Amino acid sequence: MERTLVIIKPDGVQRGLIGEIIARLERRGLKIVGMKMMQISTELASRHYAVHKGKPFYEGLVDYITSSPVVVMAIEGKRAIEVLRSTMGATNPVQATPGTIRADLAVEIGRNLVHGSDGPETAAFELGLFFSSDEILSWDRATERWISE
């Protein structure tokens, strides 16, 4: 099983799409093993977006992600990163495949509702930023055998 980070960004929270987004992830077979609503500090945002520091859009990213509460989740599943990213859709909602979160619910790249880690190393790093080890649970889901072979 693979774990990854999901952030329902300020636009998703403000638009009342938390339940819709979580439902889509759960319907895909992803399991929530950690979840909390929080206000991201500037310091945490700077660490999360450190890879973009110096780029023209960096300050806007930090300002945006700290502008309102977010919901962060640790998600687990077989090929969780790949499944999550295909469920979210392309970063630019206009280019996202219909049926994805971004294609169905967003219209601009700067308001694309969700963040998901892009690889195993990034997922491990990001999960460590947002969750302590005791905030991520291991549990058996009764439906697991009906989701994965």
N, C-alpha and C. Protein backbone atom coordinates (compact mmCIF):
# COMPACT_ATOMS: atom_id res chain seq x y z
N MET A 1 0.84 -1.19 0.00
CA MET A 1 0.00 0.00 0.00
C MET A 1 0.88 1.25 0.00
N GLU A 2 0.41 2.25 -0.69
CA GLU A 2 1.14 3.51 -0.82
C GLU A 2 0.36 4.59 -0.11
N ARG A 3 1.07 5.56 0.45
CA ARG A 3 0.42 6.70 1.11
C ARG A 3 0.81 7.99 0.42
N THR A 4 -0.10 8.94 0.44
CA THR A 4 0.16 10.24 -0.17
C THR A 4 -0.63 11.33 0.55
N LEU A 5 -0.28 12.56 0.26
CA LEU A 5 -0.95 13.72 0.86
C LEU A 5 -1.94 14.32 -0.11
N VAL A 6 -3.08 14.73 0.43
CA VAL A 6 -4.08 15.50 -0.32
C VAL A 6 -4.37 16.76 0.50
N ILE A 7 -4.44 17.88 -0.18
CA ILE A 7 -4.89 19.12 0.46
C ILE A 7 -6.10 19.62 -0.31
N ILE A 8 -7.21 19.79 0.39
CA ILE A 8 -8.34 20.52 -0.20
C ILE A 8 -8.03 21.97 0.10
N LYS A 9 -7.73 22.71 -0.96
CA LYS A 9 -7.22 24.07 -0.86
C LYS A 9 -8.32 25.06 -0.42
N PRO A 10 -7.92 26.31 -0.12
CA PRO A 10 -8.89 27.29 0.34
C PRO A 10 -10.13 27.44 -0.54
N ASP A 11 -9.98 27.35 -1.86
CA ASP A 11 -11.16 27.49 -2.72
C ASP A 11 -12.12 26.33 -2.54
N GLY A 12 -11.61 25.13 -2.33
CA GLY A 12 -12.46 23.97 -2.09
C GLY A 12 -13.22 24.09 -0.78
N VAL A 13 -12.54 24.59 0.25
CA VAL A 13 -13.19 24.79 1.55
C VAL A 13 -14.23 25.90 1.45
N GLN A 14 -13.86 27.03 0.88
CA GLN A 14 -14.76 28.18 0.79
C GLN A 14 -15.99 27.90 -0.07
N ARG A 15 -15.84 27.06 -1.06
CA ARG A 15 -16.96 26.73 -1.95
C ARG A 15 -17.82 25.58 -1.43
N GLY A 16 -17.48 25.04 -0.27
CA GLY A 16 -18.27 23.96 0.31
C GLY A 16 -18.13 22.64 -0.43
N LEU A 17 -16.94 22.36 -0.96
CA LEU A 17 -16.72 21.15 -1.75
C LEU A 17 -15.95 20.06 -1.01
N ILE A 18 -15.75 20.22 0.29
CA ILE A 18 -15.00 19.24 1.07
C ILE A 18 -15.63 17.85 0.92
N GLY A 19 -16.92 17.75 1.17
CA GLY A 19 -17.61 16.46 1.10
C GLY A 19 -17.58 15.86 -0.28
N GLU A 20 -17.78 16.67 -1.29
CA GLU A 20 -17.75 16.19 -2.69
C GLU A 20 -16.38 15.61 -3.04
N ILE A 21 -15.33 16.31 -2.64
CA ILE A 21 -13.97 15.86 -2.96
C ILE A 21 -13.65 14.58 -2.20
N ILE A 22 -13.96 14.54 -0.91
CA ILE A 22 -13.71 13.33 -0.13
C ILE A 22 -14.50 12.16 -0.70
N ALA A 23 -15.75 12.39 -1.05
CA ALA A 23 -16.58 11.31 -1.60
C ALA A 23 -15.96 10.74 -2.88
N ARG A 24 -15.44 11.59 -3.74
CA ARG A 24 -14.82 11.12 -4.98
C ARG A 24 -13.60 10.25 -4.69
N LEU A 25 -12.81 10.67 -3.72
CA LEU A 25 -11.61 9.89 -3.37
C LEU A 25 -11.99 8.54 -2.78
N GLU A 26 -12.97 8.53 -1.90
CA GLU A 26 -13.40 7.27 -1.29
C GLU A 26 -14.06 6.35 -2.32
N ARG A 27 -14.85 6.92 -3.22
CA ARG A 27 -15.48 6.10 -4.26
C ARG A 27 -14.44 5.45 -5.16
N ARG A 28 -13.31 6.09 -5.34
CA ARG A 28 -12.22 5.51 -6.14
C ARG A 28 -11.55 4.35 -5.42
N GLY A 29 -11.79 4.22 -4.12
CA GLY A 29 -11.18 3.14 -3.36
C GLY A 29 -10.03 3.58 -2.48
N LEU A 30 -9.75 4.88 -2.44
CA LEU A 30 -8.69 5.38 -1.57
C LEU A 30 -9.20 5.43 -0.13
N LYS A 31 -8.32 5.13 0.80
CA LYS A 31 -8.67 5.08 2.22
C LYS A 31 -8.04 6.25 2.95
N ILE A 32 -8.82 6.97 3.74
CA ILE A 32 -8.31 8.07 4.55
C ILE A 32 -7.70 7.47 5.81
N VAL A 33 -6.42 7.75 6.04
CA VAL A 33 -5.75 7.27 7.24
C VAL A 33 -5.33 8.40 8.17
N GLY A 34 -5.59 9.63 7.75
CA GLY A 34 -5.36 10.82 8.57
C GLY A 34 -6.07 11.98 7.93
N MET A 35 -6.68 12.85 8.77
CA MET A 35 -7.40 14.00 8.21
C MET A 35 -7.56 15.07 9.28
N LYS A 36 -7.38 16.33 8.86
CA LYS A 36 -7.64 17.45 9.77
C LYS A 36 -7.86 18.73 8.97
N MET A 37 -8.62 19.62 9.59
CA MET A 37 -8.79 20.96 9.03
C MET A 37 -7.80 21.84 9.78
N MET A 38 -7.14 22.71 9.02
CA MET A 38 -6.13 23.56 9.65
C MET A 38 -5.94 24.85 8.86
N GLN A 39 -5.33 25.80 9.52
CA GLN A 39 -4.90 27.04 8.88
C GLN A 39 -3.40 26.90 8.67
N ILE A 40 -2.94 26.88 7.44
CA ILE A 40 -1.52 26.73 7.15
C ILE A 40 -0.80 28.04 7.44
N SER A 41 0.27 27.97 8.22
CA SER A 41 1.07 29.15 8.55
C SER A 41 1.97 29.49 7.35
N THR A 42 2.47 30.71 7.35
CA THR A 42 3.40 31.14 6.30
C THR A 42 4.66 30.27 6.34
N GLU A 43 5.12 29.93 7.54
CA GLU A 43 6.31 29.09 7.68
C GLU A 43 6.09 27.71 7.06
N LEU A 44 4.96 27.09 7.36
CA LEU A 44 4.66 25.77 6.81
C LEU A 44 4.49 25.85 5.29
N ALA A 45 3.80 26.88 4.82
CA ALA A 45 3.62 27.06 3.37
C ALA A 45 4.97 27.23 2.68
N SER A 46 5.88 27.96 3.30
CA SER A 46 7.21 28.17 2.72
C SER A 46 7.98 26.86 2.61
N ARG A 47 7.84 26.00 3.61
CA ARG A 47 8.50 24.69 3.56
C ARG A 47 7.85 23.80 2.51
N HIS A 48 6.52 23.83 2.45
CA HIS A 48 5.79 23.00 1.49
C HIS A 48 6.11 23.40 0.04
N TYR A 49 6.19 24.69 -0.21
CA TYR A 49 6.43 25.20 -1.57
C TYR A 49 7.89 25.59 -1.81
N ALA A 50 8.82 25.09 -0.99
CA ALA A 50 10.24 25.46 -1.11
C ALA A 50 10.79 25.22 -2.51
N VAL A 51 10.33 24.19 -3.18
CA VAL A 51 10.80 23.86 -4.53
C VAL A 51 10.49 24.98 -5.53
N HIS A 52 9.50 25.81 -5.22
CA HIS A 52 9.10 26.90 -6.12
C HIS A 52 9.70 28.26 -5.73
N LYS A 53 10.45 28.28 -4.64
CA LYS A 53 11.02 29.56 -4.18
C LYS A 53 11.85 30.19 -5.29
N GLY A 54 11.63 31.49 -5.49
CA GLY A 54 12.34 32.22 -6.54
C GLY A 54 11.58 32.30 -7.85
N LYS A 55 10.55 31.49 -8.00
CA LYS A 55 9.74 31.53 -9.21
C LYS A 55 8.73 32.67 -9.09
N PRO A 56 8.29 33.23 -10.21
CA PRO A 56 7.39 34.39 -10.17
C PRO A 56 6.07 34.15 -9.42
N PHE A 57 5.60 32.93 -9.38
CA PHE A 57 4.31 32.64 -8.76
C PHE A 57 4.41 32.22 -7.29
N TYR A 58 5.64 32.12 -6.75
CA TYR A 58 5.85 31.62 -5.40
C TYR A 58 5.07 32.40 -4.33
N GLU A 59 5.24 33.71 -4.32
CA GLU A 59 4.57 34.53 -3.30
C GLU A 59 3.06 34.37 -3.36
N GLY A 60 2.52 34.32 -4.57
CA GLY A 60 1.08 34.13 -4.73
C GLY A 60 0.62 32.79 -4.18
N LEU A 61 1.43 31.73 -4.37
CA LEU A 61 1.10 30.41 -3.83
C LEU A 61 1.02 30.45 -2.31
N VAL A 62 2.03 31.05 -1.70
CA VAL A 62 2.07 31.13 -0.24
C VAL A 62 0.90 31.97 0.28
N ASP A 63 0.66 33.11 -0.33
CA ASP A 63 -0.47 33.97 0.08
C ASP A 63 -1.79 33.23 -0.04
N TYR A 64 -1.97 32.51 -1.12
CA TYR A 64 -3.22 31.81 -1.38
C TYR A 64 -3.46 30.66 -0.39
N ILE A 65 -2.46 29.79 -0.20
CA ILE A 65 -2.66 28.61 0.64
C ILE A 65 -2.82 28.98 2.11
N THR A 66 -2.37 30.17 2.50
CA THR A 66 -2.51 30.64 3.89
C THR A 66 -3.73 31.54 4.07
N SER A 67 -4.51 31.75 3.03
CA SER A 67 -5.62 32.73 3.07
C SER A 67 -6.88 32.22 3.75
N SER A 68 -7.01 30.92 3.94
CA SER A 68 -8.24 30.34 4.48
C SER A 68 -7.91 28.95 4.98
N PRO A 69 -8.76 28.36 5.81
CA PRO A 69 -8.51 26.98 6.23
C PRO A 69 -8.46 26.01 5.05
N VAL A 70 -7.77 24.91 5.26
CA VAL A 70 -7.67 23.82 4.29
C VAL A 70 -7.99 22.52 5.03
N VAL A 71 -8.22 21.47 4.27
CA VAL A 71 -8.35 20.13 4.83
C VAL A 71 -7.19 19.32 4.27
N VAL A 72 -6.40 18.74 5.18
CA VAL A 72 -5.29 17.89 4.75
C VAL A 72 -5.62 16.44 5.09
N MET A 73 -5.26 15.56 4.18
CA MET A 73 -5.54 14.14 4.37
C MET A 73 -4.34 13.30 4.00
N ALA A 74 -4.13 12.25 4.77
CA ALA A 74 -3.21 11.19 4.41
C ALA A 74 -4.09 10.10 3.81
N ILE A 75 -3.77 9.73 2.58
CA ILE A 75 -4.58 8.78 1.82
C ILE A 75 -3.73 7.54 1.57
N GLU A 76 -4.37 6.39 1.62
CA GLU A 76 -3.66 5.13 1.40
C GLU A 76 -4.40 4.29 0.37
N GLY A 77 -3.65 3.55 -0.40
CA GLY A 77 -4.25 2.64 -1.37
C GLY A 77 -3.20 2.05 -2.28
N LYS A 78 -3.61 1.06 -3.03
CA LYS A 78 -2.75 0.46 -4.04
C LYS A 78 -2.51 1.51 -5.12
N ARG A 79 -1.24 1.84 -5.37
CA ARG A 79 -0.88 2.90 -6.35
C ARG A 79 -1.62 4.20 -6.04
N ALA A 80 -1.66 4.57 -4.77
CA ALA A 80 -2.44 5.73 -4.30
C ALA A 80 -2.07 7.03 -5.02
N ILE A 81 -0.81 7.26 -5.27
CA ILE A 81 -0.39 8.51 -5.92
C ILE A 81 -0.96 8.59 -7.32
N GLU A 82 -0.80 7.54 -8.09
CA GLU A 82 -1.30 7.51 -9.46
C GLU A 82 -2.83 7.62 -9.49
N VAL A 83 -3.50 6.90 -8.61
CA VAL A 83 -4.96 6.94 -8.55
C VAL A 83 -5.43 8.34 -8.15
N LEU A 84 -4.79 8.92 -7.15
CA LEU A 84 -5.17 10.27 -6.71
C LEU A 84 -4.99 11.28 -7.83
N ARG A 85 -3.84 11.25 -8.48
CA ARG A 85 -3.56 12.25 -9.51
C ARG A 85 -4.51 12.12 -10.70
N SER A 86 -4.87 10.90 -11.06
CA SER A 86 -5.83 10.75 -12.17
C SER A 86 -7.23 11.18 -11.74
N THR A 87 -7.55 11.05 -10.47
CA THR A 87 -8.85 11.48 -9.95
C THR A 87 -8.93 13.00 -9.87
N MET A 88 -7.80 13.64 -9.53
CA MET A 88 -7.76 15.11 -9.46
C MET A 88 -7.84 15.72 -10.86
N GLY A 89 -7.13 15.16 -11.81
CA GLY A 89 -7.07 15.72 -13.15
C GLY A 89 -5.87 16.63 -13.32
N ALA A 90 -5.68 17.10 -14.53
CA ALA A 90 -4.55 17.98 -14.86
C ALA A 90 -4.57 19.24 -13.99
N THR A 91 -3.38 19.77 -13.72
CA THR A 91 -3.24 20.97 -12.89
C THR A 91 -4.09 22.11 -13.43
N ASN A 92 -4.12 22.27 -14.74
CA ASN A 92 -4.96 23.29 -15.36
C ASN A 92 -6.34 22.67 -15.62
N PRO A 93 -7.36 23.12 -14.91
CA PRO A 93 -8.69 22.52 -15.05
C PRO A 93 -9.23 22.51 -16.48
N VAL A 94 -8.85 23.48 -17.29
CA VAL A 94 -9.31 23.54 -18.68
C VAL A 94 -8.77 22.35 -19.47
N GLN A 95 -7.62 21.84 -19.08
CA GLN A 95 -7.00 20.71 -19.78
C GLN A 95 -7.31 19.37 -19.11
N ALA A 96 -8.01 19.40 -17.98
CA ALA A 96 -8.30 18.17 -17.24
C ALA A 96 -9.38 17.35 -17.94
N THR A 97 -9.30 16.06 -17.81
CA THR A 97 -10.26 15.15 -18.41
C THR A 97 -11.61 15.26 -17.70
N PRO A 98 -12.71 15.36 -18.45
CA PRO A 98 -14.04 15.39 -17.82
C PRO A 98 -14.21 14.18 -16.89
N GLY A 99 -14.84 14.43 -15.76
CA GLY A 99 -15.02 13.39 -14.76
C GLY A 99 -14.02 13.51 -13.61
N THR A 100 -12.95 14.30 -13.82
CA THR A 100 -11.99 14.53 -12.74
C THR A 100 -12.47 15.69 -11.87
N ILE A 101 -11.91 15.77 -10.68
CA ILE A 101 -12.29 16.84 -9.74
C ILE A 101 -12.08 18.21 -10.38
N ARG A 102 -10.90 18.42 -10.94
CA ARG A 102 -10.58 19.75 -11.49
C ARG A 102 -11.41 20.07 -12.73
N ALA A 103 -11.63 19.11 -13.60
CA ALA A 103 -12.42 19.38 -14.81
C ALA A 103 -13.87 19.68 -14.46
N ASP A 104 -14.41 18.95 -13.50
CA ASP A 104 -15.83 19.10 -13.17
C ASP A 104 -16.13 20.29 -12.27
N LEU A 105 -15.15 20.71 -11.46
CA LEU A 105 -15.45 21.69 -10.41
C LEU A 105 -14.63 22.97 -10.44
N ALA A 106 -13.64 23.07 -11.33
CA ALA A 106 -12.77 24.25 -11.34
C ALA A 106 -12.61 24.79 -12.76
N VAL A 107 -12.15 26.03 -12.87
CA VAL A 107 -11.94 26.63 -14.19
C VAL A 107 -10.58 27.30 -14.35
N GLU A 108 -9.88 27.58 -13.26
CA GLU A 108 -8.60 28.28 -13.35
C GLU A 108 -7.51 27.51 -12.63
N ILE A 109 -6.30 27.59 -13.16
CA ILE A 109 -5.16 26.89 -12.57
C ILE A 109 -4.89 27.38 -11.15
N GLY A 110 -5.11 28.65 -10.89
CA GLY A 110 -4.86 29.22 -9.57
C GLY A 110 -5.94 28.91 -8.55
N ARG A 111 -7.01 28.29 -9.00
CA ARG A 111 -8.11 27.88 -8.11
C ARG A 111 -8.53 26.47 -8.52
N ASN A 112 -7.58 25.53 -8.39
CA ASN A 112 -7.83 24.18 -8.87
C ASN A 112 -8.19 23.19 -7.76
N LEU A 113 -8.58 23.69 -6.61
CA LEU A 113 -9.24 22.96 -5.53
C LEU A 113 -8.40 22.01 -4.69
N VAL A 114 -7.50 21.25 -5.32
CA VAL A 114 -6.79 20.20 -4.58
C VAL A 114 -5.31 20.14 -4.92
N HIS A 115 -4.55 19.66 -3.95
CA HIS A 115 -3.14 19.36 -4.15
C HIS A 115 -2.94 17.88 -3.84
N GLY A 116 -2.11 17.23 -4.61
CA GLY A 116 -1.72 15.85 -4.33
C GLY A 116 -0.25 15.68 -4.62
N SER A 117 0.43 14.95 -3.78
CA SER A 117 1.86 14.69 -3.97
C SER A 117 2.11 14.07 -5.34
N ASP A 118 3.26 14.41 -5.95
CA ASP A 118 3.53 13.94 -7.31
C ASP A 118 4.41 12.71 -7.41
N GLY A 119 4.87 12.19 -6.29
CA GLY A 119 5.70 10.98 -6.31
C GLY A 119 5.94 10.48 -4.90
N PRO A 120 6.50 9.30 -4.76
CA PRO A 120 6.71 8.71 -3.44
C PRO A 120 7.59 9.54 -2.51
N GLU A 121 8.67 10.11 -3.02
CA GLU A 121 9.56 10.92 -2.18
C GLU A 121 8.86 12.18 -1.72
N THR A 122 8.16 12.83 -2.64
CA THR A 122 7.40 14.04 -2.30
C THR A 122 6.32 13.71 -1.29
N ALA A 123 5.64 12.59 -1.48
CA ALA A 123 4.57 12.19 -0.55
C ALA A 123 5.12 12.01 0.85
N ALA A 124 6.25 11.33 0.98
CA ALA A 124 6.84 11.11 2.30
C ALA A 124 7.22 12.43 2.95
N PHE A 125 7.83 13.34 2.17
CA PHE A 125 8.20 14.65 2.68
C PHE A 125 6.98 15.44 3.11
N GLU A 126 5.96 15.50 2.24
CA GLU A 126 4.77 16.30 2.54
C GLU A 126 3.96 15.73 3.69
N LEU A 127 3.82 14.43 3.75
CA LEU A 127 3.11 13.82 4.88
C LEU A 127 3.80 14.19 6.19
N GLY A 128 5.13 14.21 6.20
CA GLY A 128 5.89 14.60 7.39
C GLY A 128 5.70 16.05 7.78
N LEU A 129 5.43 16.90 6.81
CA LEU A 129 5.17 18.31 7.11
C LEU A 129 3.84 18.51 7.83
N PHE A 130 2.83 17.76 7.40
CA PHE A 130 1.47 18.01 7.86
C PHE A 130 0.96 17.06 8.95
N PHE A 131 1.62 15.91 9.12
CA PHE A 131 1.15 14.92 10.10
C PHE A 131 2.31 14.40 10.93
N SER A 132 2.05 14.23 12.22
CA SER A 132 2.98 13.49 13.06
C SER A 132 2.65 12.01 12.89
N SER A 133 3.57 11.14 13.27
CA SER A 133 3.36 9.71 13.07
C SER A 133 2.12 9.19 13.79
N ASP A 134 1.76 9.78 14.93
CA ASP A 134 0.59 9.30 15.66
C ASP A 134 -0.73 9.84 15.09
N GLU A 135 -0.67 10.69 14.09
CA GLU A 135 -1.88 11.21 13.46
C GLU A 135 -2.28 10.40 12.22
N ILE A 136 -1.44 9.48 11.81
CA ILE A 136 -1.75 8.62 10.67
C ILE A 136 -2.02 7.22 11.23
N LEU A 137 -3.19 6.71 10.93
CA LEU A 137 -3.64 5.45 11.49
C LEU A 137 -3.50 4.30 10.50
N SER A 138 -3.23 3.13 11.03
CA SER A 138 -3.30 1.91 10.24
C SER A 138 -4.56 1.19 10.68
N TRP A 139 -5.43 0.90 9.74
CA TRP A 139 -6.67 0.21 10.08
C TRP A 139 -7.14 -0.63 8.90
N ASP A 140 -7.88 -1.67 9.22
CA ASP A 140 -8.39 -2.57 8.20
C ASP A 140 -9.79 -2.15 7.79
N ARG A 141 -9.97 -1.97 6.51
CA ARG A 141 -11.27 -1.60 5.96
C ARG A 141 -11.96 -2.88 5.49
N ALA A 142 -13.17 -3.08 5.93
CA ALA A 142 -13.91 -4.31 5.63
C ALA A 142 -14.11 -4.52 4.13
N THR A 143 -14.14 -3.47 3.36
CA THR A 143 -14.41 -3.57 1.92
C THR A 143 -13.15 -3.75 1.08
N GLU A 144 -11.99 -3.79 1.71
CA GLU A 144 -10.72 -3.81 0.97
C GLU A 144 -10.67 -4.91 -0.09
N ARG A 145 -11.15 -6.09 0.22
CA ARG A 145 -11.07 -7.20 -0.74
C ARG A 145 -11.96 -6.96 -1.96
N TRP A 146 -12.87 -6.02 -1.86
CA TRP A 146 -13.75 -5.69 -2.99
C TRP A 146 -13.20 -4.54 -3.83
N ILE A 147 -12.10 -3.96 -3.35
CA ILE A 147 -11.47 -2.83 -4.05
C ILE A 147 -10.20 -3.27 -4.76
N SER A 148 -9.36 -4.04 -4.06
CA SER A 148 -8.08 -4.49 -4.63
C SER A 148 -7.98 -6.00 -4.63
N GLU A 149 -7.36 -6.51 -5.66
CA GLU A 149 -7.14 -7.97 -5.74
C GLU A 149 -6.03 -8.38 -4.80
